[in-house]
PDB file of N, CA and C in Angstrom:
ATOM      1  N   UNK A   1      -9.043 -13.217  18.702  1.00  0.00           N
ATOM      2  CA  UNK A   1      -8.719 -12.562  17.442  1.00  0.00           C
ATOM      3  C   UNK A   1      -9.986 -11.967  16.843  1.00  0.00           C
ATOM      4  N   UNK A   2      -9.892 -10.742  16.396  1.00  0.00           N
ATOM      5  CA  UNK A   2     -11.051 -10.081  15.810  1.00  0.00           C
ATOM      6  C   UNK A   2     -11.106 -10.383  14.313  1.00  0.00           C
ATOM      7  N   UNK A   3     -12.244 -10.830  13.852  1.00  0.00           N
ATOM      8  CA  UNK A   3     -12.417 -11.138  12.440  1.00  0.00           C
ATOM      9  C   UNK A   3     -12.954  -9.910  11.709  1.00  0.00           C
ATOM     10  N   UNK A   4     -12.937  -9.998  10.415  1.00  0.00           N
ATOM     11  CA  UNK A   4     -13.469  -8.918   9.579  1.00  0.00           C
ATOM     12  C   UNK A   4     -14.939  -8.675   9.911  1.00  0.00           C
ATOM     13  N   UNK A   5     -15.705  -9.741  10.031  1.00  0.00           N
ATOM     14  CA  UNK A   5     -17.129  -9.613  10.344  1.00  0.00           C
ATOM     15  C   UNK A   5     -17.339  -8.969  11.711  1.00  0.00           C
ATOM     16  N   UNK A   6     -16.523  -9.372  12.703  1.00  0.00           N
ATOM     17  CA  UNK A   6     -16.621  -8.757  14.027  1.00  0.00           C
ATOM     18  C   UNK A   6     -16.312  -7.263  13.963  1.00  0.00           C
ATOM     19  N   UNK A   7     -15.331  -6.924  13.159  1.00  0.00           N
ATOM     20  CA  UNK A   7     -14.941  -5.525  13.017  1.00  0.00           C
ATOM     21  C   UNK A   7     -16.079  -4.713  12.406  1.00  0.00           C
ATOM     22  N   UNK A   8     -16.716  -5.263  11.381  1.00  0.00           N
ATOM     23  CA  UNK A   8     -17.856  -4.568  10.761  1.00  0.00           C
ATOM     24  C   UNK A   8     -19.001  -4.418  11.750  1.00  0.00           C
ATOM     25  N   UNK A   9     -19.267  -5.465  12.498  1.00  0.00           N
ATOM     26  CA  UNK A   9     -20.332  -5.388  13.503  1.00  0.00           C
ATOM     27  C   UNK A   9     -20.016  -4.330  14.554  1.00  0.00           C
ATOM     28  N   UNK A  10     -18.763  -4.274  14.986  1.00  0.00           N
ATOM     29  CA  UNK A  10     -18.360  -3.271  15.976  1.00  0.00           C
ATOM     30  C   UNK A  10     -18.511  -1.872  15.399  1.00  0.00           C
ATOM     31  N   UNK A  11     -18.157  -1.695  14.136  1.00  0.00           N
ATOM     32  CA  UNK A  11     -18.282  -0.380  13.494  1.00  0.00           C
ATOM     33  C   UNK A  11     -19.743   0.043  13.400  1.00  0.00           C
ATOM     34  N   UNK A  12     -20.649  -0.902  13.259  1.00  0.00           N
ATOM     35  CA  UNK A  12     -22.077  -0.586  13.200  1.00  0.00           C
ATOM     36  C   UNK A  12     -22.576   0.049  14.500  1.00  0.00           C
ATOM     37  N   UNK A  13     -21.888  -0.210  15.589  1.00  0.00           N
ATOM     38  CA  UNK A  13     -22.296   0.339  16.881  1.00  0.00           C
ATOM     39  C   UNK A  13     -21.751   1.759  17.117  1.00  0.00           C
ATOM     40  N   UNK A  14     -20.923   2.222  16.196  1.00  0.00           N
ATOM     41  CA  UNK A  14     -20.394   3.578  16.309  1.00  0.00           C
ATOM     42  C   UNK A  14     -21.393   4.571  15.728  1.00  0.00           C
ATOM     43  N   UNK A  15     -21.289   5.812  16.161  1.00  0.00           N
ATOM     44  CA  UNK A  15     -22.125   6.858  15.573  1.00  0.00           C
ATOM     45  C   UNK A  15     -21.646   7.103  14.141  1.00  0.00           C
ATOM     46  N   UNK A  16     -22.457   7.781  13.365  1.00  0.00           N
ATOM     47  CA  UNK A  16     -22.095   8.076  11.982  1.00  0.00           C
ATOM     48  C   UNK A  16     -20.798   8.870  11.935  1.00  0.00           C
ATOM     49  N   UNK A  17     -20.654   9.835  12.824  1.00  0.00           N
ATOM     50  CA  UNK A  17     -19.427  10.641  12.867  1.00  0.00           C
ATOM     51  C   UNK A  17     -18.216   9.770  13.201  1.00  0.00           C
ATOM     52  N   UNK A  18     -18.373   8.860  14.145  1.00  0.00           N
ATOM     53  CA  UNK A  18     -17.272   7.965  14.502  1.00  0.00           C
ATOM     54  C   UNK A  18     -16.927   7.025  13.344  1.00  0.00           C
ATOM     55  N   UNK A  19     -17.946   6.568  12.616  1.00  0.00           N
ATOM     56  CA  UNK A  19     -17.694   5.724  11.449  1.00  0.00           C
ATOM     57  C   UNK A  19     -16.917   6.498  10.387  1.00  0.00           C
ATOM     58  N   UNK A  20     -17.265   7.760  10.192  1.00  0.00           N
ATOM     59  CA  UNK A  20     -16.545   8.587   9.220  1.00  0.00           C
ATOM     60  C   UNK A  20     -15.104   8.799   9.661  1.00  0.00           C
ATOM     61  N   UNK A  21     -14.891   9.013  10.950  1.00  0.00           N
ATOM     62  CA  UNK A  21     -13.536   9.179  11.473  1.00  0.00           C
ATOM     63  C   UNK A  21     -12.745   7.886  11.324  1.00  0.00           C
ATOM     64  N   UNK A  22     -13.386   6.762  11.586  1.00  0.00           N
ATOM     65  CA  UNK A  22     -12.740   5.464  11.437  1.00  0.00           C
ATOM     66  C   UNK A  22     -12.327   5.247   9.984  1.00  0.00           C
ATOM     67  N   UNK A  23     -13.228   5.539   9.054  1.00  0.00           N
ATOM     68  CA  UNK A  23     -12.929   5.375   7.633  1.00  0.00           C
ATOM     69  C   UNK A  23     -11.763   6.263   7.223  1.00  0.00           C
ATOM     70  N   UNK A  24     -11.744   7.497   7.686  1.00  0.00           N
ATOM     71  CA  UNK A  24     -10.659   8.428   7.349  1.00  0.00           C
ATOM     72  C   UNK A  24      -9.337   7.936   7.940  1.00  0.00           C
ATOM     73  N   UNK A  25      -9.391   7.440   9.165  1.00  0.00           N
ATOM     74  CA  UNK A  25      -8.181   6.918   9.807  1.00  0.00           C
ATOM     75  C   UNK A  25      -7.653   5.710   9.056  1.00  0.00           C
ATOM     76  N   UNK A  26      -8.545   4.819   8.654  1.00  0.00           N
ATOM     77  CA  UNK A  26      -8.119   3.638   7.898  1.00  0.00           C
ATOM     78  C   UNK A  26      -7.508   4.031   6.555  1.00  0.00           C
ATOM     79  N   UNK A  27      -8.127   4.990   5.856  1.00  0.00           N
ATOM     80  CA  UNK A  27      -7.570   5.447   4.580  1.00  0.00           C
ATOM     81  C   UNK A  27      -6.165   6.014   4.781  1.00  0.00           C
ATOM     82  N   UNK A  28      -5.978   6.791   5.833  1.00  0.00           N
ATOM     83  CA  UNK A  28      -4.669   7.377   6.119  1.00  0.00           C
ATOM     84  C   UNK A  28      -3.641   6.293   6.436  1.00  0.00           C
ATOM     85  N   UNK A  29      -4.021   5.326   7.249  1.00  0.00           N
ATOM     86  CA  UNK A  29      -3.097   4.247   7.599  1.00  0.00           C
ATOM     87  C   UNK A  29      -2.728   3.407   6.378  1.00  0.00           C
ATOM     88  N   UNK A  30      -3.705   3.159   5.515  1.00  0.00           N
ATOM     89  CA  UNK A  30      -3.443   2.403   4.289  1.00  0.00           C
ATOM     90  C   UNK A  30      -2.459   3.172   3.413  1.00  0.00           C
ATOM     91  N   UNK A  31      -2.681   4.466   3.267  1.00  0.00           N
ATOM     92  CA  UNK A  31      -1.769   5.290   2.469  1.00  0.00           C
ATOM     93  C   UNK A  31      -0.361   5.258   3.046  1.00  0.00           C
ATOM     94  N   UNK A  32      -0.245   5.332   4.370  1.00  0.00           N
ATOM     95  CA  UNK A  32       1.068   5.282   5.015  1.00  0.00           C
ATOM     96  C   UNK A  32       1.755   3.942   4.763  1.00  0.00           C
ATOM     97  N   UNK A  33       0.986   2.858   4.833  1.00  0.00           N
ATOM     98  CA  UNK A  33       1.567   1.529   4.590  1.00  0.00           C
ATOM     99  C   UNK A  33       2.008   1.377   3.141  1.00  0.00           C
ATOM    100  N   UNK A  34       1.187   1.878   2.210  1.00  0.00           N
ATOM    101  CA  UNK A  34       1.566   1.822   0.791  1.00  0.00           C
ATOM    102  C   UNK A  34       2.838   2.634   0.548  1.00  0.00           C
ATOM    103  N   UNK A  35       2.906   3.815   1.181  1.00  0.00           N
ATOM    104  CA  UNK A  35       4.081   4.674   1.052  1.00  0.00           C
ATOM    105  C   UNK A  35       5.323   3.948   1.579  1.00  0.00           C
ATOM    106  N   UNK A  36       5.194   3.305   2.727  1.00  0.00           N
ATOM    107  CA  UNK A  36       6.327   2.569   3.304  1.00  0.00           C
ATOM    108  C   UNK A  36       6.757   1.423   2.385  1.00  0.00           C
ATOM    109  N   UNK A  37       5.785   0.723   1.799  1.00  0.00           N
ATOM    110  CA  UNK A  37       6.109  -0.358   0.864  1.00  0.00           C
ATOM    111  C   UNK A  37       6.842   0.184  -0.353  1.00  0.00           C
ATOM    112  N   UNK A  38       6.389   1.321  -0.858  1.00  0.00           N
ATOM    113  CA  UNK A  38       7.021   1.924  -2.027  1.00  0.00           C
ATOM    114  C   UNK A  38       8.444   2.367  -1.705  1.00  0.00           C
ATOM    115  N   UNK A  39       8.631   2.971  -0.532  1.00  0.00           N
ATOM    116  CA  UNK A  39       9.972   3.393  -0.118  1.00  0.00           C
ATOM    117  C   UNK A  39      10.906   2.184  -0.038  1.00  0.00           C
ATOM    118  N   UNK A  40      10.406   1.091   0.518  1.00  0.00           N
ATOM    119  CA  UNK A  40      11.217  -0.126   0.617  1.00  0.00           C
ATOM    120  C   UNK A  40      11.555  -0.676  -0.773  1.00  0.00           C
ATOM    121  N   UNK A  41      10.576  -0.707  -1.667  1.00  0.00           N
ATOM    122  CA  UNK A  41      10.808  -1.222  -3.012  1.00  0.00           C
ATOM    123  C   UNK A  41      11.818  -0.368  -3.771  1.00  0.00           C
ATOM    124  N   UNK A  42      11.715   0.934  -3.624  1.00  0.00           N
ATOM    125  CA  UNK A  42      12.657   1.833  -4.290  1.00  0.00           C
ATOM    126  C   UNK A  42      14.062   1.619  -3.734  1.00  0.00           C
ATOM    127  N   UNK A  43      14.155   1.465  -2.424  1.00  0.00           N
ATOM    128  CA  UNK A  43      15.460   1.207  -1.814  1.00  0.00           C
ATOM    129  C   UNK A  43      16.080  -0.079  -2.330  1.00  0.00           C
ATOM    130  N   UNK A  44      15.266  -1.117  -2.427  1.00  0.00           N
ATOM    131  CA  UNK A  44      15.759  -2.398  -2.951  1.00  0.00           C
ATOM    132  C   UNK A  44      16.192  -2.260  -4.405  1.00  0.00           C
ATOM    133  N   UNK A  45      15.408  -1.538  -5.190  1.00  0.00           N
ATOM    134  CA  UNK A  45      15.750  -1.346  -6.603  1.00  0.00           C
ATOM    135  C   UNK A  45      17.051  -0.562  -6.742  1.00  0.00           C
ATOM    136  N   UNK A  46      17.235   0.444  -5.910  1.00  0.00           N
ATOM    137  CA  UNK A  46      18.475   1.228  -5.963  1.00  0.00           C
ATOM    138  C   UNK A  46      19.677   0.361  -5.592  1.00  0.00           C
ATOM    139  N   UNK A  47      19.502  -0.482  -4.604  1.00  0.00           N
ATOM    140  CA  UNK A  47      20.587  -1.387  -4.206  1.00  0.00           C
ATOM    141  C   UNK A  47      20.927  -2.336  -5.350  1.00  0.00           C
ATOM    142  N   UNK A  48      19.902  -2.920  -5.952  1.00  0.00           N
ATOM    143  CA  UNK A  48      20.116  -3.840  -7.083  1.00  0.00           C
ATOM    144  C   UNK A  48      20.786  -3.115  -8.241  1.00  0.00           C
ATOM    145  N   UNK A  49      20.370  -1.885  -8.502  1.00  0.00           N
ATOM    146  CA  UNK A  49      20.969  -1.100  -9.587  1.00  0.00           C
ATOM    147  C   UNK A  49      22.440  -0.831  -9.278  1.00  0.00           C
ATOM    148  N   UNK A  50      22.732  -0.442  -8.028  1.00  0.00           N
ATOM    149  CA  UNK A  50      24.109  -0.152  -7.636  1.00  0.00           C
ATOM    150  C   UNK A  50      24.996  -1.392  -7.764  1.00  0.00           C
ATOM    151  N   UNK A  51      24.421  -2.566  -7.564  1.00  0.00           N
ATOM    152  CA  UNK A  51      25.171  -3.816  -7.688  1.00  0.00           C
ATOM    153  C   UNK A  51      25.279  -4.286  -9.137  1.00  0.00           C
ATOM    154  N   UNK A  52      24.611  -3.574 -10.028  1.00  0.00           N
ATOM    155  CA  UNK A  52      24.669  -3.931 -11.441  1.00  0.00           C
ATOM    156  C   UNK A  52      23.744  -5.059 -11.833  1.00  0.00           C
ATOM    157  N   UNK A  53      22.797  -5.379 -10.977  1.00  0.00           N
ATOM    158  CA  UNK A  53      21.882  -6.493 -11.269  1.00  0.00           C
ATOM    159  C   UNK A  53      20.699  -6.087 -12.134  1.00  0.00           C
ATOM    160  N   UNK A  54      20.433  -4.810 -12.206  1.00  0.00           N
ATOM    161  CA  UNK A  54      19.375  -4.324 -13.092  1.00  0.00           C
ATOM    162  C   UNK A  54      19.897  -3.125 -13.872  1.00  0.00           C
ATOM    163  N   UNK A  55      19.284  -2.869 -14.996  1.00  0.00           N
ATOM    164  CA  UNK A  55      19.713  -1.769 -15.858  1.00  0.00           C
ATOM    165  C   UNK A  55      18.541  -0.813 -16.082  1.00  0.00           C
ATOM    166  N   UNK A  56      18.830   0.418 -16.403  1.00  0.00           N
ATOM    167  CA  UNK A  56      17.754   1.374 -16.675  1.00  0.00           C
ATOM    168  C   UNK A  56      16.896   0.895 -17.852  1.00  0.00           C
ATOM    169  N   UNK A  57      15.612   1.215 -17.793  1.00  0.00           N
ATOM    170  CA  UNK A  57      14.684   0.864 -18.875  1.00  0.00           C
ATOM    171  C   UNK A  57      13.636   1.957 -18.984  1.00  0.00           C
ATOM    172  N   UNK A  58      13.096   2.119 -20.171  1.00  0.00           N
ATOM    173  CA  UNK A  58      12.053   3.124 -20.377  1.00  0.00           C
ATOM    174  C   UNK A  58      10.740   2.626 -19.768  1.00  0.00           C
ATOM    175  N   UNK A  59       9.835   3.557 -19.553  1.00  0.00           N
ATOM    176  CA  UNK A  59       8.526   3.196 -19.025  1.00  0.00           C
ATOM    177  C   UNK A  59       7.799   2.244 -19.974  1.00  0.00           C
ATOM    178  N   UNK A  60       7.965   2.450 -21.271  1.00  0.00           N
ATOM    179  CA  UNK A  60       7.307   1.591 -22.262  1.00  0.00           C
ATOM    180  C   UNK A  60       7.798   0.146 -22.152  1.00  0.00           C
ATOM    181  N   UNK A  61       9.094  -0.026 -21.962  1.00  0.00           N
ATOM    182  CA  UNK A  61       9.659  -1.375 -21.837  1.00  0.00           C
ATOM    183  C   UNK A  61       9.153  -2.029 -20.552  1.00  0.00           C
ATOM    184  N   UNK A  62       9.151  -1.288 -19.465  1.00  0.00           N
ATOM    185  CA  UNK A  62       8.676  -1.830 -18.189  1.00  0.00           C
ATOM    186  C   UNK A  62       7.206  -2.210 -18.290  1.00  0.00           C
ATOM    187  N   UNK A  63       6.401  -1.369 -18.932  1.00  0.00           N
ATOM    188  CA  UNK A  63       4.969  -1.642 -19.089  1.00  0.00           C
ATOM    189  C   UNK A  63       4.748  -2.954 -19.846  1.00  0.00           C
ATOM    190  N   UNK A  64       5.565  -3.212 -20.854  1.00  0.00           N
ATOM    191  CA  UNK A  64       5.445  -4.462 -21.615  1.00  0.00           C
ATOM    192  C   UNK A  64       5.790  -5.669 -20.759  1.00  0.00           C
ATOM    193  N   UNK A  65       6.734  -5.494 -19.827  1.00  0.00           N
ATOM    194  CA  UNK A  65       7.147  -6.603 -18.971  1.00  0.00           C
ATOM    195  C   UNK A  65       6.087  -6.978 -17.942  1.00  0.00           C
ATOM    196  N   UNK A  66       5.331  -5.993 -17.460  1.00  0.00           N
ATOM    197  CA  UNK A  66       4.364  -6.287 -16.414  1.00  0.00           C
ATOM    198  C   UNK A  66       2.954  -6.454 -16.937  1.00  0.00           C
ATOM    199  N   UNK A  67       2.719  -6.175 -18.196  1.00  0.00           N
ATOM    200  CA  UNK A  67       1.376  -6.307 -18.770  1.00  0.00           C
ATOM    201  C   UNK A  67       1.010  -7.775 -18.914  1.00  0.00           C
ATOM    202  N   UNK A  68      -0.178  -8.166 -18.432  1.00  0.00           N
ATOM    203  CA  UNK A  68      -0.573  -9.586 -18.524  1.00  0.00           C
ATOM    204  C   UNK A  68      -0.837 -10.037 -19.933  1.00  0.00           C
TER     205      UNK A  68
END
């Protein structure tokens, strides 16, 4: 299993251009994963709404619910 430290050490052996490409690839993959998570969450929320388990709320009300 590759650890975070091993991954950083391996990246140090790449050329600067390869490190930049790696960073860009990681940013893209992270964005894709976040997008997939958001799509899943929206789908779940729509299902819950269709079942009548949640009701529409304003952004202000939602902000108050999630604010620490």
